[in-house]
PDB file of N, CA and C in Angstrom:
ATOM      1  N   MET A   1      21.281   2.860  -2.178  1.00  0.00           N
ATOM      2  CA  MET A   1      21.318   1.680  -3.485  1.00  0.00           C
ATOM      3  C   MET A   1      19.844   1.252  -3.819  1.00  0.00           C
ATOM      4  N   GLN A   2      19.623   1.411  -4.994  1.00  0.00           N
ATOM      5  CA  GLN A   2      18.149   0.738  -5.561  1.00  0.00           C
ATOM      6  C   GLN A   2      18.216  -0.822  -5.905  1.00  0.00           C
ATOM      7  N   THR A   3      17.810  -1.612  -5.134  1.00  0.00           N
ATOM      8  CA  THR A   3      17.657  -3.026  -5.563  1.00  0.00           C
ATOM      9  C   THR A   3      16.354  -3.391  -6.071  1.00  0.00           C
ATOM     10  N   PRO A   4      16.423  -4.369  -6.844  1.00  0.00           N
ATOM     11  CA  PRO A   4      15.219  -4.952  -7.534  1.00  0.00           C
ATOM     12  C   PRO A   4      14.052  -5.043  -6.443  1.00  0.00           C
ATOM     13  N   HIS A   5      14.402  -5.719  -5.487  1.00  0.00           N
ATOM     14  CA  HIS A   5      13.268  -5.913  -4.414  1.00  0.00           C
ATOM     15  C   HIS A   5      12.720  -4.472  -3.843  1.00  0.00           C
ATOM     16  N   LEU A   6      13.609  -3.464  -3.430  1.00  0.00           N
ATOM     17  CA  LEU A   6      13.143  -2.314  -2.999  1.00  0.00           C
ATOM     18  C   LEU A   6      12.380  -1.492  -4.012  1.00  0.00           C
ATOM     19  N   THR A   7      12.833  -1.653  -5.256  1.00  0.00           N
ATOM     20  CA  THR A   7      12.060  -1.231  -6.290  1.00  0.00           C
ATOM     21  C   THR A   7      10.215  -1.729  -6.486  1.00  0.00           C
ATOM     22  N   ALA A   8      10.606  -3.277  -6.244  1.00  0.00           N
ATOM     23  CA  ALA A   8       9.287  -3.809  -6.150  1.00  0.00           C
ATOM     24  C   ALA A   8       8.157  -3.458  -4.905  1.00  0.00           C
ATOM     25  N   LEU A   9       8.749  -3.186  -3.880  1.00  0.00           N
ATOM     26  CA  LEU A   9       8.410  -2.822  -2.413  1.00  0.00           C
ATOM     27  C   LEU A   9       7.704  -1.416  -2.907  1.00  0.00           C
ATOM     28  N   GLU A  10       8.227  -0.367  -3.324  1.00  0.00           N
ATOM     29  CA  GLU A  10       7.894   0.567  -3.559  1.00  0.00           C
ATOM     30  C   GLU A  10       6.707   0.862  -4.813  1.00  0.00           C
ATOM     31  N   THR A  11       6.718  -0.128  -5.737  1.00  0.00           N
ATOM     32  CA  THR A  11       5.750  -0.370  -6.733  1.00  0.00           C
ATOM     33  C   THR A  11       4.483  -0.724  -6.049  1.00  0.00           C
ATOM     34  N   LYS A  12       4.565  -1.747  -5.216  1.00  0.00           N
ATOM     35  CA  LYS A  12       3.629  -2.210  -4.512  1.00  0.00           C
ATOM     36  C   LYS A  12       2.972  -1.260  -3.256  1.00  0.00           C
ATOM     37  N   HIS A  13       3.789  -0.445  -2.972  1.00  0.00           N
ATOM     38  CA  HIS A  13       3.268   0.786  -1.982  1.00  0.00           C
ATOM     39  C   HIS A  13       2.430   1.682  -2.555  1.00  0.00           C
ATOM     40  N   ALA A  14       2.871   2.107  -3.867  1.00  0.00           N
ATOM     41  CA  ALA A  14       2.267   3.029  -4.796  1.00  0.00           C
ATOM     42  C   ALA A  14       0.898   2.334  -5.029  1.00  0.00           C
ATOM     43  N   THR A  15       0.930   1.286  -5.396  1.00  0.00           N
ATOM     44  CA  THR A  15      -0.296   0.469  -6.003  1.00  0.00           C
ATOM     45  C   THR A  15      -1.424   0.322  -4.870  1.00  0.00           C
ATOM     46  N   LEU A  16      -0.938   0.148  -3.739  1.00  0.00           N
ATOM     47  CA  LEU A  16      -1.888   0.227  -2.637  1.00  0.00           C
ATOM     48  C   LEU A  16      -2.425   1.676  -2.290  1.00  0.00           C
ATOM     49  N   ASP A  17      -1.520   2.485  -2.238  1.00  0.00           N
ATOM     50  CA  ASP A  17      -1.813   4.020  -2.077  1.00  0.00           C
ATOM     51  C   ASP A  17      -3.082   4.325  -3.127  1.00  0.00           C
ATOM     52  N   ARG A  18      -2.890   3.927  -4.351  1.00  0.00           N
ATOM     53  CA  ARG A  18      -4.005   4.083  -5.282  1.00  0.00           C
ATOM     54  C   ARG A  18      -5.175   3.185  -4.971  1.00  0.00           C
ATOM     55  N   ARG A  19      -5.009   2.125  -4.646  1.00  0.00           N
ATOM     56  CA  ARG A  19      -6.410   1.227  -4.215  1.00  0.00           C
ATOM     57  C   ARG A  19      -7.045   1.978  -3.283  1.00  0.00           C
ATOM     58  N   ILE A  20      -6.338   2.575  -2.305  1.00  0.00           N
ATOM     59  CA  ILE A  20      -6.856   3.145  -0.928  1.00  0.00           C
ATOM     60  C   ILE A  20      -7.690   4.450  -1.424  1.00  0.00           C
ATOM     61  N   ALA A  21      -6.884   5.103  -2.117  1.00  0.00           N
ATOM     62  CA  ALA A  21      -7.636   6.367  -2.899  1.00  0.00           C
ATOM     63  C   ALA A  21      -8.780   6.229  -3.595  1.00  0.00           C
ATOM     64  N   ALA A  22      -8.878   4.893  -4.268  1.00  0.00           N
ATOM     65  CA  ALA A  22      -9.903   4.851  -5.231  1.00  0.00           C
ATOM     66  C   ALA A  22     -11.410   4.368  -4.351  1.00  0.00           C
ATOM     67  N   GLU A  23     -10.795   3.365  -3.307  1.00  0.00           N
ATOM     68  CA  GLU A  23     -12.078   3.153  -2.470  1.00  0.00           C
ATOM     69  C   GLU A  23     -12.569   4.043  -1.626  1.00  0.00           C
ATOM     70  N   ARG A  24     -11.485   5.127  -1.089  1.00  0.00           N
ATOM     71  CA  ARG A  24     -12.414   6.159  -0.346  1.00  0.00           C
ATOM     72  C   ARG A  24     -13.229   7.195  -1.549  1.00  0.00           C
ATOM     73  N   GLN A  25     -12.801   7.212  -2.722  1.00  0.00           N
ATOM     74  CA  GLN A  25     -13.898   7.855  -3.701  1.00  0.00           C
ATOM     75  C   GLN A  25     -15.286   7.309  -3.765  1.00  0.00           C
ATOM     76  N   ARG A  26     -15.361   5.790  -3.742  1.00  0.00           N
ATOM     77  CA  ARG A  26     -16.612   5.164  -3.541  1.00  0.00           C
ATOM     78  C   ARG A  26     -17.674   5.980  -2.866  1.00  0.00           C
ATOM     79  N   PRO A  27     -18.907   5.975  -3.157  1.00  0.00           N
ATOM     80  CA  PRO A  27     -19.894   6.618  -2.511  1.00  0.00           C
ATOM     81  C   PRO A  27     -19.941   5.943  -0.953  1.00  0.00           C
ATOM     82  N   LEU A  28     -20.122   4.619  -0.950  1.00  0.00           N
ATOM     83  CA  LEU A  28     -19.963   4.018   0.325  1.00  0.00           C
ATOM     84  C   LEU A  28     -18.885   3.219   0.433  1.00  0.00           C
ATOM     85  N   PRO A  29     -17.546   3.749   0.896  1.00  0.00           N
ATOM     86  CA  PRO A  29     -16.339   2.942   1.177  1.00  0.00           C
ATOM     87  C   PRO A  29     -16.402   1.744   2.155  1.00  0.00           C
ATOM     88  N   ASN A  30     -15.686   0.580   1.586  1.00  0.00           N
ATOM     89  CA  ASN A  30     -15.980  -0.515   2.605  1.00  0.00           C
ATOM     90  C   ASN A  30     -14.881  -0.203   3.549  1.00  0.00           C
ATOM     91  N   GLN A  31     -15.213  -0.018   4.704  1.00  0.00           N
ATOM     92  CA  GLN A  31     -14.151   0.057   5.749  1.00  0.00           C
ATOM     93  C   GLN A  31     -13.140  -1.101   6.280  1.00  0.00           C
ATOM     94  N   ALA A  32     -13.753  -2.266   5.933  1.00  0.00           N
ATOM     95  CA  ALA A  32     -12.932  -3.658   5.875  1.00  0.00           C
ATOM     96  C   ALA A  32     -11.949  -3.627   4.894  1.00  0.00           C
ATOM     97  N   VAL A  33     -12.143  -3.546   3.760  1.00  0.00           N
ATOM     98  CA  VAL A  33     -11.204  -3.224   2.624  1.00  0.00           C
ATOM     99  C   VAL A  33     -10.259  -2.126   2.968  1.00  0.00           C
ATOM    100  N   LEU A  34     -10.925  -0.850   3.234  1.00  0.00           N
ATOM    101  CA  LEU A  34      -9.764   0.038   3.476  1.00  0.00           C
ATOM    102  C   LEU A  34      -8.757  -0.358   4.693  1.00  0.00           C
ATOM    103  N   GLY A  35      -9.375  -1.066   5.607  1.00  0.00           N
ATOM    104  CA  GLY A  35      -8.446  -1.508   6.779  1.00  0.00           C
ATOM    105  C   GLY A  35      -7.451  -2.034   6.401  1.00  0.00           C
ATOM    106  N   GLU A  36      -7.748  -3.387   5.602  1.00  0.00           N
ATOM    107  CA  GLU A  36      -6.932  -4.325   4.873  1.00  0.00           C
ATOM    108  C   GLU A  36      -5.758  -3.636   4.032  1.00  0.00           C
ATOM    109  N   LEU A  37      -6.181  -2.840   3.293  1.00  0.00           N
ATOM    110  CA  LEU A  37      -5.297  -2.209   2.264  1.00  0.00           C
ATOM    111  C   LEU A  37      -4.264  -1.265   3.135  1.00  0.00           C
ATOM    112  N   LYS A  38      -4.581  -0.789   4.268  1.00  0.00           N
ATOM    113  CA  LYS A  38      -3.904   0.334   5.139  1.00  0.00           C
ATOM    114  C   LYS A  38      -2.829  -0.771   5.846  1.00  0.00           C
ATOM    115  N   ARG A  39      -3.437  -1.863   6.331  1.00  0.00           N
ATOM    116  CA  ARG A  39      -2.319  -2.757   6.963  1.00  0.00           C
ATOM    117  C   ARG A  39      -1.389  -3.423   5.892  1.00  0.00           C
ATOM    118  N   GLN A  40      -1.715  -3.724   4.756  1.00  0.00           N
ATOM    119  CA  GLN A  40      -0.792  -4.214   3.860  1.00  0.00           C
ATOM    120  C   GLN A  40       0.408  -2.932   3.308  1.00  0.00           C
ATOM    121  N   LYS A  41      -0.223  -1.905   3.418  1.00  0.00           N
ATOM    122  CA  LYS A  41       0.755  -0.866   2.855  1.00  0.00           C
ATOM    123  C   LYS A  41       1.553  -0.559   4.081  1.00  0.00           C
ATOM    124  N   LEU A  42       1.190  -0.661   5.385  1.00  0.00           N
ATOM    125  CA  LEU A  42       2.094  -0.663   6.442  1.00  0.00           C
ATOM    126  C   LEU A  42       3.288  -1.585   6.481  1.00  0.00           C
ATOM    127  N   ARG A  43       2.897  -2.883   6.356  1.00  0.00           N
ATOM    128  CA  ARG A  43       3.794  -3.774   6.078  1.00  0.00           C
ATOM    129  C   ARG A  43       4.602  -3.799   5.215  1.00  0.00           C
ATOM    130  N   VAL A  44       4.390  -3.199   3.976  1.00  0.00           N
ATOM    131  CA  VAL A  44       5.373  -3.023   2.869  1.00  0.00           C
ATOM    132  C   VAL A  44       6.285  -1.671   3.296  1.00  0.00           C
ATOM    133  N   LYS A  45       5.911  -0.753   3.764  1.00  0.00           N
ATOM    134  CA  LYS A  45       6.459   0.438   4.608  1.00  0.00           C
ATOM    135  C   LYS A  45       7.488  -0.078   5.483  1.00  0.00           C
ATOM    136  N   GLU A  46       7.028  -0.927   6.360  1.00  0.00           N
ATOM    137  CA  GLU A  46       8.056  -1.483   7.493  1.00  0.00           C
ATOM    138  C   GLU A  46       9.200  -2.419   6.849  1.00  0.00           C
ATOM    139  N   GLU A  47       8.914  -2.964   5.803  1.00  0.00           N
ATOM    140  CA  GLU A  47       9.779  -3.717   5.082  1.00  0.00           C
ATOM    141  C   GLU A  47      10.810  -2.921   4.378  1.00  0.00           C
ATOM    142  N   MET A  48      10.189  -2.139   3.846  1.00  0.00           N
ATOM    143  CA  MET A  48      11.344  -1.218   3.159  1.00  0.00           C
ATOM    144  C   MET A  48      12.151  -0.115   4.107  1.00  0.00           C
ATOM    145  N   ALA A  49      11.457  -0.073   5.250  1.00  0.00           N
ATOM    146  CA  ALA A  49      12.445   0.793   6.133  1.00  0.00           C
ATOM    147  C   ALA A  49      13.696  -0.252   6.906  1.00  0.00           C
ATOM    148  N   SER A  50      13.446  -1.441   6.709  1.00  0.00           N
ATOM    149  CA  SER A  50      14.128  -2.300   7.278  1.00  0.00           C
ATOM    150  C   SER A  50      15.395  -2.666   6.372  1.00  0.00           C
ATOM    151  N   LEU A  51      15.172  -2.242   4.919  1.00  0.00           N
ATOM    152  CA  LEU A  51      16.182  -2.657   4.127  1.00  0.00           C
ATOM    153  C   LEU A  51      17.673  -2.029   4.223  1.00  0.00           C
TER     154      LEU A  51
END
């Protein structure tokens, strides 16, 4: 069952995915930014899995 919280998490996960892809497309991707975005994405994914 799709709850509003799960929908919000899925949206946030997709947004983080797009931000990671955009950062990777830069001529010199910032590895610190990429690492933080990936950590955030993992936290969201873990929260979705726990629901």
